């Protein structure tokens, strides 16, 4: 999830663990702890693209990280704060650390909660930024901060924030199932044979859902809004995996394929090859658009070294996407 959401969650968890004893400082340290796992983004500045993608939401989002580093941070904070209980501070950091990847597991990218085992949890029932999850949570957190640390209202508001946000996550799982059944029925009605189907919410909401459908030679992309009145339309994107040639067996290419979970196409423009990660969809809703959210230029030098260069978004992409998104949410 986005940084603000993780700060709010961390602060609320910190308050639940230690608020009665240390007041708003529990929120402060909980908010800090809630952002620490995302420091793995530093890897993108010191290593290559493929390695950075592998590291993202890996070790720092694991149970191992929470267990190992919670007592270290707990000991440090106990040395600088009046409240000297290492145990209390350790519990605060542990729960703030572990709830971070538990929430991230609901997004498309998911988390390697069980690192070092190669198992990524990705329920794909909420977008990384969802105002309906974050804003009510933030309001309850602010109301909590305004209360005396021994006030019953303080605990009530914080509990409500944690409860309402959790209920929304449960509702989003139900909405995901509803969207999934619609895609399945549409494929059946249109007599489309497929191997696998993957669904996820579109940006900022849980009303409009996207699907990737794996067929023999192509991926079918489609969207469904709960306000739709027309049948679901599937757009075909050729896999074009054959364009890779011998590159397909290259170690770094295999790692990228693993990262994308096999949901990728290859496109060719002006003689250059591009790796398109389908899990995050397109930047616009134009028919047969090639503007993928995550698109990487594939380069190979004379020594056989392969590099992936993430393609930058164009100015105005976000605004155009939001306009298209709003229209599409309202139905086809």
C-alpha atoms as a PDB file:
ATOM      1  CA  UNK A   1       0.000   0.000   0.000  1.00  0.00           C
ATOM      2  CA  UNK A   2       1.011   3.656  -0.300  1.00  0.00           C
ATOM      3  CA  UNK A   3       3.139   5.304   2.386  1.00  0.00           C
ATOM      4  CA  UNK A   4       0.274   7.281   3.958  1.00  0.00           C
ATOM      5  CA  UNK A   5      -1.793   4.143   4.434  1.00  0.00           C
ATOM      6  CA  UNK A   6       1.109   2.274   6.033  1.00  0.00           C
ATOM      7  CA  UNK A   7       1.793   5.237   8.331  1.00  0.00           C
ATOM      8  CA  UNK A   8      -1.856   5.279   9.441  1.00  0.00           C
ATOM      9  CA  UNK A   9      -1.907   1.515   9.986  1.00  0.00           C
ATOM     10  CA  UNK A  10       1.397   1.574  11.868  1.00  0.00           C
ATOM     11  CA  UNK A  11       0.235   4.454  14.063  1.00  0.00           C
ATOM     12  CA  UNK A  12      -3.063   2.722  14.873  1.00  0.00           C
ATOM     13  CA  UNK A  13      -1.279  -0.531  15.706  1.00  0.00           C
ATOM     14  CA  UNK A  14       1.239   1.351  17.876  1.00  0.00           C
ATOM     15  CA  UNK A  15      -1.641   2.982  19.714  1.00  0.00           C
ATOM     16  CA  UNK A  16      -3.390  -0.353  20.245  1.00  0.00           C
ATOM     17  CA  UNK A  17      -0.211  -1.898  21.689  1.00  0.00           C
ATOM     18  CA  UNK A  18       1.175   0.895  23.850  1.00  0.00           C
ATOM     19  CA  UNK A  19      -1.093   3.947  23.684  1.00  0.00           C
ATOM     20  CA  UNK A  20      -2.339   3.702  27.256  1.00  0.00           C
ATOM     21  CA  UNK A  21       1.205   3.794  28.608  1.00  0.00           C
ATOM     22  CA  UNK A  22       2.960   6.349  26.390  1.00  0.00           C
ATOM     23  CA  UNK A  23       0.161   8.245  24.623  1.00  0.00           C
ATOM     24  CA  UNK A  24       0.814   9.734  21.176  1.00  0.00           C
ATOM     25  CA  UNK A  25       4.406   8.509  21.215  1.00  0.00           C
ATOM     26  CA  UNK A  26       2.997   5.041  20.535  1.00  0.00           C
ATOM     27  CA  UNK A  27       1.438   6.413  17.345  1.00  0.00           C
ATOM     28  CA  UNK A  28       4.665   8.207  16.431  1.00  0.00           C
ATOM     29  CA  UNK A  29       6.854   5.135  16.720  1.00  0.00           C
ATOM     30  CA  UNK A  30       4.177   2.935  15.182  1.00  0.00           C
ATOM     31  CA  UNK A  31       4.064   5.243  12.157  1.00  0.00           C
ATOM     32  CA  UNK A  32       7.855   5.035  11.808  1.00  0.00           C
ATOM     33  CA  UNK A  33       7.790   1.255  12.132  1.00  0.00           C
ATOM     34  CA  UNK A  34       5.023   1.086   9.543  1.00  0.00           C
ATOM     35  CA  UNK A  35       7.267   2.707   6.927  1.00  0.00           C
ATOM     36  CA  UNK A  36      10.519   0.846   7.641  1.00  0.00           C
ATOM     37  CA  UNK A  37       9.719  -2.276   5.535  1.00  0.00           C
ATOM     38  CA  UNK A  38       9.385  -0.075   2.441  1.00  0.00           C
ATOM     39  CA  UNK A  39      12.988   1.064   2.740  1.00  0.00           C
ATOM     40  CA  UNK A  40      13.744  -1.858   0.418  1.00  0.00           C
ATOM     41  CA  UNK A  41      13.092   0.621  -2.423  1.00  0.00           C
ATOM     42  CA  UNK A  42      16.648   1.834  -1.828  1.00  0.00           C
ATOM     43  CA  UNK A  43      17.719  -1.247  -3.773  1.00  0.00           C
ATOM     44  CA  UNK A  44      16.528   0.406  -6.992  1.00  0.00           C
ATOM     45  CA  UNK A  45      19.296   3.004  -6.589  1.00  0.00           C
ATOM     46  CA  UNK A  46      22.151   0.603  -5.904  1.00  0.00           C
ATOM     47  CA  UNK A  47      21.455  -2.459  -8.053  1.00  0.00           C
ATOM     48  CA  UNK A  48      20.023  -3.483 -11.425  1.00  0.00           C
ATOM     49  CA  UNK A  49      16.306  -3.419 -12.251  1.00  0.00           C
ATOM     50  CA  UNK A  50      15.720  -7.169 -12.041  1.00  0.00           C
ATOM     51  CA  UNK A  51      17.428  -7.547  -8.665  1.00  0.00           C
ATOM     52  CA  UNK A  52      15.576  -4.511  -7.290  1.00  0.00           C
ATOM     53  CA  UNK A  53      12.250  -6.025  -8.363  1.00  0.00           C
ATOM     54  CA  UNK A  54      13.164  -9.293  -6.664  1.00  0.00           C
ATOM     55  CA  UNK A  55      14.120  -7.499  -3.449  1.00  0.00           C
ATOM     56  CA  UNK A  56      10.961  -5.363  -3.370  1.00  0.00           C
ATOM     57  CA  UNK A  57       8.577  -6.646  -0.710  1.00  0.00           C
ATOM     58  CA  UNK A  58      10.971  -9.466   0.073  1.00  0.00           C
ATOM     59  CA  UNK A  59      13.031  -9.805   3.253  1.00  0.00           C
ATOM     60  CA  UNK A  60      11.820  -6.560   4.869  1.00  0.00           C
ATOM     61  CA  UNK A  61       8.227  -7.749   4.416  1.00  0.00           C
ATOM     62  CA  UNK A  62       8.751 -11.124   6.055  1.00  0.00           C
ATOM     63  CA  UNK A  63       7.986 -12.726   9.384  1.00  0.00           C
ATOM     64  CA  UNK A  64      11.737 -13.244   9.811  1.00  0.00           C
ATOM     65  CA  UNK A  65      12.390  -9.506   9.531  1.00  0.00           C
ATOM     66  CA  UNK A  66       9.677  -8.722  12.108  1.00  0.00           C
ATOM     67  CA  UNK A  67      11.022 -11.254  14.599  1.00  0.00           C
ATOM     68  CA  UNK A  68      14.686 -10.303  14.205  1.00  0.00           C
ATOM     69  CA  UNK A  69      14.455  -6.517  14.051  1.00  0.00           C
ATOM     70  CA  UNK A  70      11.582  -5.790  16.458  1.00  0.00           C
ATOM     71  CA  UNK A  71      13.716  -6.449  19.587  1.00  0.00           C
ATOM     72  CA  UNK A  72      16.603  -4.439  18.110  1.00  0.00           C
ATOM     73  CA  UNK A  73      14.424  -1.380  17.584  1.00  0.00           C
ATOM     74  CA  UNK A  74      12.682  -2.036  20.900  1.00  0.00           C
ATOM     75  CA  UNK A  75      16.025  -1.945  22.706  1.00  0.00           C
ATOM     76  CA  UNK A  76      17.090   1.267  20.925  1.00  0.00           C
ATOM     77  CA  UNK A  77      13.870   3.126  21.757  1.00  0.00           C
ATOM     78  CA  UNK A  78      13.961   1.937  25.380  1.00  0.00           C
ATOM     79  CA  UNK A  79      17.300   3.750  25.701  1.00  0.00           C
ATOM     80  CA  UNK A  80      15.981   7.118  24.523  1.00  0.00           C
ATOM     81  CA  UNK A  81      12.455   7.157  26.001  1.00  0.00           C
ATOM     82  CA  UNK A  82      11.260   7.444  29.594  1.00  0.00           C
ATOM     83  CA  UNK A  83       9.281   4.239  29.206  1.00  0.00           C
ATOM     84  CA  UNK A  84      12.096   1.683  29.600  1.00  0.00           C
ATOM     85  CA  UNK A  85      10.326  -1.602  28.922  1.00  0.00           C
ATOM     86  CA  UNK A  86      12.175  -3.335  26.086  1.00  0.00           C
ATOM     87  CA  UNK A  87       9.366  -5.869  25.925  1.00  0.00           C
ATOM     88  CA  UNK A  88       6.694  -3.208  25.358  1.00  0.00           C
ATOM     89  CA  UNK A  89       8.648  -1.430  22.618  1.00  0.00           C
ATOM     90  CA  UNK A  90       9.508  -4.759  20.999  1.00  0.00           C
ATOM     91  CA  UNK A  91       5.838  -5.695  20.800  1.00  0.00           C
ATOM     92  CA  UNK A  92       5.008  -2.323  19.278  1.00  0.00           C
ATOM     93  CA  UNK A  93       7.622  -2.709  16.541  1.00  0.00           C
ATOM     94  CA  UNK A  94       6.759  -6.359  15.925  1.00  0.00           C
ATOM     95  CA  UNK A  95       3.072  -5.697  15.341  1.00  0.00           C
ATOM     96  CA  UNK A  96       3.732  -2.570  13.274  1.00  0.00           C
ATOM     97  CA  UNK A  97       6.257  -4.499  11.177  1.00  0.00           C
ATOM     98  CA  UNK A  98       4.101  -7.596  10.627  1.00  0.00           C
ATOM     99  CA  UNK A  99       0.841  -5.784   9.832  1.00  0.00           C
ATOM    100  CA  UNK A 100       2.623  -3.908   7.032  1.00  0.00           C
ATOM    101  CA  UNK A 101       3.190  -7.012   4.819  1.00  0.00           C
ATOM    102  CA  UNK A 102      -0.118  -8.524   5.914  1.00  0.00           C
ATOM    103  CA  UNK A 103      -1.839  -5.512   4.358  1.00  0.00           C
ATOM    104  CA  UNK A 104       0.456  -5.486   1.308  1.00  0.00           C
ATOM    105  CA  UNK A 105      -0.476  -9.112   0.682  1.00  0.00           C
ATOM    106  CA  UNK A 106      -3.906  -7.884  -0.427  1.00  0.00           C
ATOM    107  CA  UNK A 107      -2.391  -5.931  -3.343  1.00  0.00           C
ATOM    108  CA  UNK A 108      -1.381  -7.085  -6.818  1.00  0.00           C
ATOM    109  CA  UNK A 109       2.357  -7.166  -6.086  1.00  0.00           C
ATOM    110  CA  UNK A 110       1.911  -9.087  -2.853  1.00  0.00           C
ATOM    111  CA  UNK A 111       4.634  -9.889  -0.313  1.00  0.00           C
ATOM    112  CA  UNK A 112       7.155 -12.607   0.453  1.00  0.00           C
ATOM    113  CA  UNK A 113       5.819 -13.017   3.971  1.00  0.00           C
ATOM    114  CA  UNK A 114       7.456 -16.416   4.348  1.00  0.00           C
ATOM    115  CA  UNK A 115      10.895 -15.374   3.076  1.00  0.00           C
ATOM    116  CA  UNK A 116      13.337 -17.090   2.460  1.00  0.00           C
ATOM    117  CA  UNK A 117      10.809 -19.495   0.934  1.00  0.00           C
ATOM    118  CA  UNK A 118       9.899 -18.523  -2.621  1.00  0.00           C
ATOM    119  CA  UNK A 119       6.216 -17.954  -1.938  1.00  0.00           C
ATOM    120  CA  UNK A 120       4.600 -14.588  -2.683  1.00  0.00           C
ATOM    121  CA  UNK A 121       1.184 -13.896  -1.166  1.00  0.00           C
ATOM    122  CA  UNK A 122      -0.951 -11.702  -3.428  1.00  0.00           C
ATOM    123  CA  UNK A 123      -4.716 -11.769  -2.900  1.00  0.00           C
ATOM    124  CA  UNK A 124      -5.208  -8.889  -5.382  1.00  0.00           C
ATOM    125  CA  UNK A 125      -8.368  -7.531  -3.791  1.00  0.00           C
ATOM    126  CA  UNK A 126      -7.310  -3.917  -3.215  1.00  0.00           C
ATOM    127  CA  UNK A 127      -5.324  -1.365  -5.189  1.00  0.00           C
ATOM    128  CA  UNK A 128      -2.157   0.115  -3.649  1.00  0.00           C
ATOM    129  CA  UNK A 129      -4.017   3.415  -3.171  1.00  0.00           C
ATOM    130  CA  UNK A 130      -7.640   3.135  -2.098  1.00  0.00           C
ATOM    131  CA  UNK A 131      -9.302   6.206  -0.513  1.00  0.00           C
ATOM    132  CA  UNK A 132     -12.181   4.134   0.885  1.00  0.00           C
ATOM    133  CA  UNK A 133      -9.692   2.165   2.932  1.00  0.00           C
ATOM    134  CA  UNK A 134      -7.380   4.973   3.991  1.00  0.00           C
ATOM    135  CA  UNK A 135      -9.523   8.084   4.571  1.00  0.00           C
ATOM    136  CA  UNK A 136     -11.979   6.687   7.177  1.00  0.00           C
ATOM    137  CA  UNK A 137      -8.996   5.054   8.905  1.00  0.00           C
ATOM    138  CA  UNK A 138      -7.178   8.414   8.962  1.00  0.00           C
ATOM    139  CA  UNK A 139     -10.218  10.243  10.364  1.00  0.00           C
ATOM    140  CA  UNK A 140     -10.522   7.785  13.255  1.00  0.00           C
ATOM    141  CA  UNK A 141      -6.783   8.071  13.910  1.00  0.00           C
ATOM    142  CA  UNK A 142      -6.989  11.871  14.135  1.00  0.00           C
ATOM    143  CA  UNK A 143      -9.952  11.596  16.508  1.00  0.00           C
ATOM    144  CA  UNK A 144      -7.891   9.187  18.602  1.00  0.00           C
ATOM    145  CA  UNK A 145      -4.971  11.610  18.787  1.00  0.00           C
ATOM    146  CA  UNK A 146      -7.243  14.352  20.136  1.00  0.00           C
ATOM    147  CA  UNK A 147      -8.269  12.301  23.169  1.00  0.00           C
ATOM    148  CA  UNK A 148      -6.479  11.937  26.478  1.00  0.00           C
ATOM    149  CA  UNK A 149      -4.393   8.764  26.563  1.00  0.00           C
ATOM    150  CA  UNK A 150      -6.507   7.312  29.390  1.00  0.00           C
ATOM    151  CA  UNK A 151      -9.820   8.205  27.741  1.00  0.00           C
ATOM    152  CA  UNK A 152     -12.208   5.416  26.773  1.00  0.00           C
ATOM    153  CA  UNK A 153     -13.065   7.387  23.626  1.00  0.00           C
ATOM    154  CA  UNK A 154      -9.429   7.191  22.564  1.00  0.00           C
ATOM    155  CA  UNK A 155      -9.464   3.407  22.578  1.00  0.00           C
ATOM    156  CA  UNK A 156     -12.921   3.372  20.973  1.00  0.00           C
ATOM    157  CA  UNK A 157     -11.898   5.583  18.029  1.00  0.00           C
ATOM    158  CA  UNK A 158      -8.720   3.614  17.404  1.00  0.00           C
ATOM    159  CA  UNK A 159     -10.592   0.308  17.549  1.00  0.00           C
ATOM    160  CA  UNK A 160     -13.187   1.663  15.124  1.00  0.00           C
ATOM    161  CA  UNK A 161     -10.463   2.687  12.692  1.00  0.00           C
ATOM    162  CA  UNK A 162      -8.891  -0.770  12.751  1.00  0.00           C
ATOM    163  CA  UNK A 163     -12.302  -2.453  12.532  1.00  0.00           C
ATOM    164  CA  UNK A 164     -13.763  -0.368   9.695  1.00  0.00           C
ATOM    165  CA  UNK A 165     -10.619  -0.725   7.568  1.00  0.00           C
ATOM    166  CA  UNK A 166     -10.548  -4.487   8.161  1.00  0.00           C
ATOM    167  CA  UNK A 167     -14.216  -4.831   7.248  1.00  0.00           C
ATOM    168  CA  UNK A 168     -13.544  -2.974   4.008  1.00  0.00           C
ATOM    169  CA  UNK A 169     -10.816  -5.488   3.168  1.00  0.00           C
ATOM    170  CA  UNK A 170     -13.286  -8.329   3.742  1.00  0.00           C
ATOM    171  CA  UNK A 171     -15.872  -6.597   1.547  1.00  0.00           C
ATOM    172  CA  UNK A 172     -13.281  -6.176  -1.205  1.00  0.00           C
ATOM    173  CA  UNK A 173     -12.659  -9.940  -1.141  1.00  0.00           C
ATOM    174  CA  UNK A 174     -16.379 -10.446  -1.733  1.00  0.00           C
ATOM    175  CA  UNK A 175     -16.357  -7.919  -4.568  1.00  0.00           C
ATOM    176  CA  UNK A 176     -13.349  -9.683  -6.115  1.00  0.00           C
ATOM    177  CA  UNK A 177     -15.274 -12.950  -6.091  1.00  0.00           C
ATOM    178  CA  UNK A 178     -18.253 -11.202  -7.683  1.00  0.00           C
ATOM    179  CA  UNK A 179     -16.076  -9.799 -10.479  1.00  0.00           C
ATOM    180  CA  UNK A 180     -14.332 -13.134 -10.953  1.00  0.00           C
ATOM    181  CA  UNK A 181     -17.627 -14.980 -11.442  1.00  0.00           C
ATOM    182  CA  UNK A 182     -18.714 -12.402 -14.042  1.00  0.00           C
ATOM    183  CA  UNK A 183     -15.513 -12.921 -16.040  1.00  0.00           C
ATOM    184  CA  UNK A 184     -15.874 -16.707 -15.800  1.00  0.00           C
ATOM    185  CA  UNK A 185     -19.472 -16.565 -17.026  1.00  0.00           C
ATOM    186  CA  UNK A 186     -18.555 -14.236 -19.903  1.00  0.00           C
ATOM    187  CA  UNK A 187     -15.815 -16.618 -21.041  1.00  0.00           C
ATOM    188  CA  UNK A 188     -18.299 -19.481 -20.946  1.00  0.00           C
ATOM    189  CA  UNK A 189     -20.984 -17.505 -22.823  1.00  0.00           C
ATOM    190  CA  UNK A 190     -18.483 -16.532 -25.525  1.00  0.00           C
ATOM    191  CA  UNK A 191     -17.123 -20.091 -25.827  1.00  0.00           C
ATOM    192  CA  UNK A 192     -13.563 -19.017 -25.046  1.00  0.00           C
ATOM    193  CA  UNK A 193     -11.158 -21.761 -24.044  1.00  0.00           C
ATOM    194  CA  UNK A 194      -8.568 -20.590 -21.539  1.00  0.00           C
ATOM    195  CA  UNK A 195      -5.814 -21.886 -19.304  1.00  0.00           C
ATOM    196  CA  UNK A 196      -5.962 -19.491 -16.369  1.00  0.00           C
ATOM    197  CA  UNK A 197      -7.582 -16.248 -15.228  1.00  0.00           C
ATOM    198  CA  UNK A 198      -6.225 -13.526 -12.952  1.00  0.00           C
ATOM    199  CA  UNK A 199      -8.327 -10.652 -11.568  1.00  0.00           C
ATOM    200  CA  UNK A 200      -7.485  -7.429  -9.735  1.00  0.00           C
ATOM    201  CA  UNK A 201      -9.154  -4.097  -8.902  1.00  0.00           C
ATOM    202  CA  UNK A 202      -8.546  -1.069 -11.084  1.00  0.00           C
ATOM    203  CA  UNK A 203      -6.854   1.986  -9.497  1.00  0.00           C
ATOM    204  CA  UNK A 204      -8.430   3.736  -6.497  1.00  0.00           C
ATOM    205  CA  UNK A 205     -11.582   1.609  -6.222  1.00  0.00           C
ATOM    206  CA  UNK A 206     -13.144  -1.845  -5.889  1.00  0.00           C
ATOM    207  CA  UNK A 207     -16.049  -1.289  -8.303  1.00  0.00           C
ATOM    208  CA  UNK A 208     -14.163  -1.722 -11.575  1.00  0.00           C
ATOM    209  CA  UNK A 209     -12.232  -4.992 -11.937  1.00  0.00           C
ATOM    210  CA  UNK A 210      -9.689  -6.086 -14.521  1.00  0.00           C
ATOM    211  CA  UNK A 211      -8.941  -9.583 -15.760  1.00  0.00           C
ATOM    212  CA  UNK A 212      -6.028 -11.227 -17.546  1.00  0.00           C
ATOM    213  CA  UNK A 213      -6.968 -14.446 -19.288  1.00  0.00           C
ATOM    214  CA  UNK A 214      -4.290 -16.886 -20.422  1.00  0.00           C
ATOM    215  CA  UNK A 215      -5.034 -18.686 -23.698  1.00  0.00           C
ATOM    216  CA  UNK A 216      -2.810 -20.771 -25.950  1.00  0.00           C
ATOM    217  CA  UNK A 217      -1.220 -17.988 -28.008  1.00  0.00           C
ATOM    218  CA  UNK A 218      -2.499 -14.766 -26.458  1.00  0.00           C
ATOM    219  CA  UNK A 219      -3.626 -13.050 -23.303  1.00  0.00           C
ATOM    220  CA  UNK A 220      -7.116 -11.612 -23.176  1.00  0.00           C
ATOM    221  CA  UNK A 221      -7.593  -8.408 -21.194  1.00  0.00           C
ATOM    222  CA  UNK A 222     -10.986  -7.235 -20.000  1.00  0.00           C
ATOM    223  CA  UNK A 223     -12.695  -4.995 -17.460  1.00  0.00           C
ATOM    224  CA  UNK A 224     -15.976  -5.263 -15.567  1.00  0.00           C
ATOM    225  CA  UNK A 225     -17.810  -2.658 -13.510  1.00  0.00           C
ATOM    226  CA  UNK A 226     -20.659  -3.578 -11.205  1.00  0.00           C
ATOM    227  CA  UNK A 227     -22.589  -0.827 -13.042  1.00  0.00           C
ATOM    228  CA  UNK A 228     -22.091  -2.462 -16.461  1.00  0.00           C
ATOM    229  CA  UNK A 229     -25.124  -3.204 -18.627  1.00  0.00           C
ATOM    230  CA  UNK A 230     -23.342  -4.613 -21.705  1.00  0.00           C
ATOM    231  CA  UNK A 231     -21.463  -7.908 -22.069  1.00  0.00           C
ATOM    232  CA  UNK A 232     -17.801  -8.074 -21.106  1.00  0.00           C
ATOM    233  CA  UNK A 233     -15.477  -7.534 -24.079  1.00  0.00           C
ATOM    234  CA  UNK A 234     -12.115  -9.315 -24.211  1.00  0.00           C
ATOM    235  CA  UNK A 235      -9.188  -7.756 -26.078  1.00  0.00           C
ATOM    236  CA  UNK A 236      -6.501 -10.095 -27.371  1.00  0.00           C
ATOM    237  CA  UNK A 237      -2.783  -9.398 -26.887  1.00  0.00           C
ATOM    238  CA  UNK A 238      -0.452 -11.863 -28.666  1.00  0.00           C
ATOM    239  CA  UNK A 239       2.145 -13.297 -26.318  1.00  0.00           C
ATOM    240  CA  UNK A 240       4.933 -12.961 -28.902  1.00  0.00           C
ATOM    241  CA  UNK A 241       7.269 -14.906 -26.638  1.00  0.00           C
ATOM    242  CA  UNK A 242       8.960 -16.268 -29.753  1.00  0.00           C
ATOM    243  CA  UNK A 243      10.410 -12.803 -30.446  1.00  0.00           C
ATOM    244  CA  UNK A 244      12.860 -13.388 -27.598  1.00  0.00           C
ATOM    245  CA  UNK A 245      14.633 -16.160 -29.469  1.00  0.00           C
ATOM    246  CA  UNK A 246      17.620 -17.382 -27.469  1.00  0.00           C
ATOM    247  CA  UNK A 247      17.064 -14.563 -24.953  1.00  0.00           C
ATOM    248  CA  UNK A 248      14.221 -16.598 -23.478  1.00  0.00           C
ATOM    249  CA  UNK A 249      16.712 -18.938 -21.818  1.00  0.00           C
ATOM    250  CA  UNK A 250      18.910 -16.133 -20.474  1.00  0.00           C
ATOM    251  CA  UNK A 251      19.223 -16.212 -16.673  1.00  0.00           C
ATOM    252  CA  UNK A 252      18.056 -12.626 -16.225  1.00  0.00           C
ATOM    253  CA  UNK A 253      15.106 -13.111 -18.587  1.00  0.00           C
ATOM    254  CA  UNK A 254      14.042 -16.172 -16.620  1.00  0.00           C
ATOM    255  CA  UNK A 255      14.133 -14.085 -13.453  1.00  0.00           C
ATOM    256  CA  UNK A 256      11.905 -11.441 -15.043  1.00  0.00           C
ATOM    257  CA  UNK A 257       9.464 -14.109 -16.180  1.00  0.00           C
ATOM    258  CA  UNK A 258       9.351 -15.427 -12.613  1.00  0.00           C
ATOM    259  CA  UNK A 259       8.761 -11.928 -11.232  1.00  0.00           C
ATOM    260  CA  UNK A 260       5.835 -11.431 -13.639  1.00  0.00           C
ATOM    261  CA  UNK A 261       4.464 -14.853 -12.679  1.00  0.00           C
ATOM    262  CA  UNK A 262       4.370 -15.659 -16.397  1.00  0.00           C
ATOM    263  CA  UNK A 263       1.932 -12.834 -17.197  1.00  0.00           C
ATOM    264  CA  UNK A 264       3.927 -11.000 -19.844  1.00  0.00           C
ATOM    265  CA  UNK A 265       3.981 -10.169 -23.538  1.00  0.00           C
ATOM    266  CA  UNK A 266       6.835  -9.128 -25.794  1.00  0.00           C
ATOM    267  CA  UNK A 267       6.395  -6.218 -28.188  1.00  0.00           C
ATOM    268  CA  UNK A 268       8.715  -4.855 -30.841  1.00  0.00           C
ATOM    269  CA  UNK A 269       9.079  -1.177 -31.752  1.00  0.00           C
ATOM    270  CA  UNK A 270      11.692   0.302 -34.057  1.00  0.00           C
ATOM    271  CA  UNK A 271      13.719  -2.868 -33.802  1.00  0.00           C
ATOM    272  CA  UNK A 272      13.727  -2.870 -29.984  1.00  0.00           C
ATOM    273  CA  UNK A 273      12.131  -5.524 -27.794  1.00  0.00           C
ATOM    274  CA  UNK A 274       9.975  -4.642 -24.792  1.00  0.00           C
ATOM    275  CA  UNK A 275       8.920  -6.796 -21.842  1.00  0.00           C
ATOM    276  CA  UNK A 276       5.356  -5.937 -20.750  1.00  0.00           C
ATOM    277  CA  UNK A 277       4.253  -7.031 -17.276  1.00  0.00           C
ATOM    278  CA  UNK A 278       0.501  -7.592 -17.593  1.00  0.00           C
ATOM    279  CA  UNK A 279      -0.258  -7.855 -13.876  1.00  0.00           C
ATOM    280  CA  UNK A 280      -0.662  -4.090 -13.517  1.00  0.00           C
ATOM    281  CA  UNK A 281      -2.569  -3.435 -16.707  1.00  0.00           C
ATOM    282  CA  UNK A 282      -2.578  -0.420 -18.991  1.00  0.00           C
ATOM    283  CA  UNK A 283      -2.251   3.319 -18.535  1.00  0.00           C
ATOM    284  CA  UNK A 284      -5.334   3.997 -20.659  1.00  0.00           C
ATOM    285  CA  UNK A 285      -8.457   2.278 -21.911  1.00  0.00           C
ATOM    286  CA  UNK A 286      -7.917   2.812 -25.630  1.00  0.00           C
ATOM    287  CA  UNK A 287      -8.582  -0.300 -27.754  1.00  0.00           C
ATOM    288  CA  UNK A 288      -5.432  -2.410 -28.153  1.00  0.00           C
ATOM    289  CA  UNK A 289      -3.365   0.144 -26.240  1.00  0.00           C
ATOM    290  CA  UNK A 290       0.298  -0.765 -25.773  1.00  0.00           C
ATOM    291  CA  UNK A 291       0.847   1.676 -22.888  1.00  0.00           C
ATOM    292  CA  UNK A 292       1.480  -0.839 -20.152  1.00  0.00           C
ATOM    293  CA  UNK A 293       2.015   0.396 -16.601  1.00  0.00           C
ATOM    294  CA  UNK A 294       5.216  -1.640 -16.351  1.00  0.00           C
ATOM    295  CA  UNK A 295       7.091  -1.863 -19.634  1.00  0.00           C
ATOM    296  CA  UNK A 296      10.815  -2.603 -19.860  1.00  0.00           C
ATOM    297  CA  UNK A 297      13.172  -2.063 -22.780  1.00  0.00           C
ATOM    298  CA  UNK A 298      15.336  -5.171 -23.237  1.00  0.00           C
ATOM    299  CA  UNK A 299      18.953  -4.483 -24.148  1.00  0.00           C
ATOM    300  CA  UNK A 300      21.757  -6.949 -24.810  1.00  0.00           C
ATOM    301  CA  UNK A 301      25.372  -5.831 -25.247  1.00  0.00           C
ATOM    302  CA  UNK A 302      28.143  -7.449 -27.267  1.00  0.00           C
ATOM    303  CA  UNK A 303      29.194  -9.522 -24.241  1.00  0.00           C
ATOM    304  CA  UNK A 304      25.717 -11.031 -23.885  1.00  0.00           C
ATOM    305  CA  UNK A 305      24.789  -9.013 -20.784  1.00  0.00           C
ATOM    306  CA  UNK A 306      21.051  -8.329 -20.646  1.00  0.00           C
ATOM    307  CA  UNK A 307      19.543  -5.275 -18.972  1.00  0.00           C
ATOM    308  CA  UNK A 308      15.947  -4.163 -18.457  1.00  0.00           C
ATOM    309  CA  UNK A 309      15.164  -0.442 -18.521  1.00  0.00           C
ATOM    310  CA  UNK A 310      11.791   0.580 -17.096  1.00  0.00           C
ATOM    311  CA  UNK A 311      10.035   2.964 -19.443  1.00  0.00           C
ATOM    312  CA  UNK A 312       9.017   6.314 -17.938  1.00  0.00           C
ATOM    313  CA  UNK A 313       5.407   7.444 -17.898  1.00  0.00           C
ATOM    314  CA  UNK A 314       4.464  10.295 -20.169  1.00  0.00           C
ATOM    315  CA  UNK A 315       3.364  13.684 -18.786  1.00  0.00           C
ATOM    316  CA  UNK A 316      -0.401  13.674 -18.481  1.00  0.00           C
ATOM    317  CA  UNK A 317      -0.713   9.867 -18.295  1.00  0.00           C
ATOM    318  CA  UNK A 318      -2.113   9.954 -14.763  1.00  0.00           C
ATOM    319  CA  UNK A 319      -4.707  12.634 -15.534  1.00  0.00           C
ATOM    320  CA  UNK A 320      -5.874  10.864 -18.689  1.00  0.00           C
ATOM    321  CA  UNK A 321      -6.076   7.560 -16.838  1.00  0.00           C
ATOM    322  CA  UNK A 322      -8.186   9.057 -14.051  1.00  0.00           C
ATOM    323  CA  UNK A 323     -10.605  10.565 -16.577  1.00  0.00           C
ATOM    324  CA  UNK A 324     -10.947   7.234 -18.410  1.00  0.00           C
ATOM    325  CA  UNK A 325     -11.245   5.381 -15.128  1.00  0.00           C
ATOM    326  CA  UNK A 326     -14.093   7.528 -13.834  1.00  0.00           C
ATOM    327  CA  UNK A 327     -16.069   7.074 -17.068  1.00  0.00           C
ATOM    328  CA  UNK A 328     -15.485   3.333 -17.061  1.00  0.00           C
ATOM    329  CA  UNK A 329     -16.475   2.857 -13.415  1.00  0.00           C
ATOM    330  CA  UNK A 330     -19.918   4.286 -14.220  1.00  0.00           C
ATOM    331  CA  UNK A 331     -20.560   1.401 -16.617  1.00  0.00           C
ATOM    332  CA  UNK A 332     -20.127   0.484 -20.270  1.00  0.00           C
END
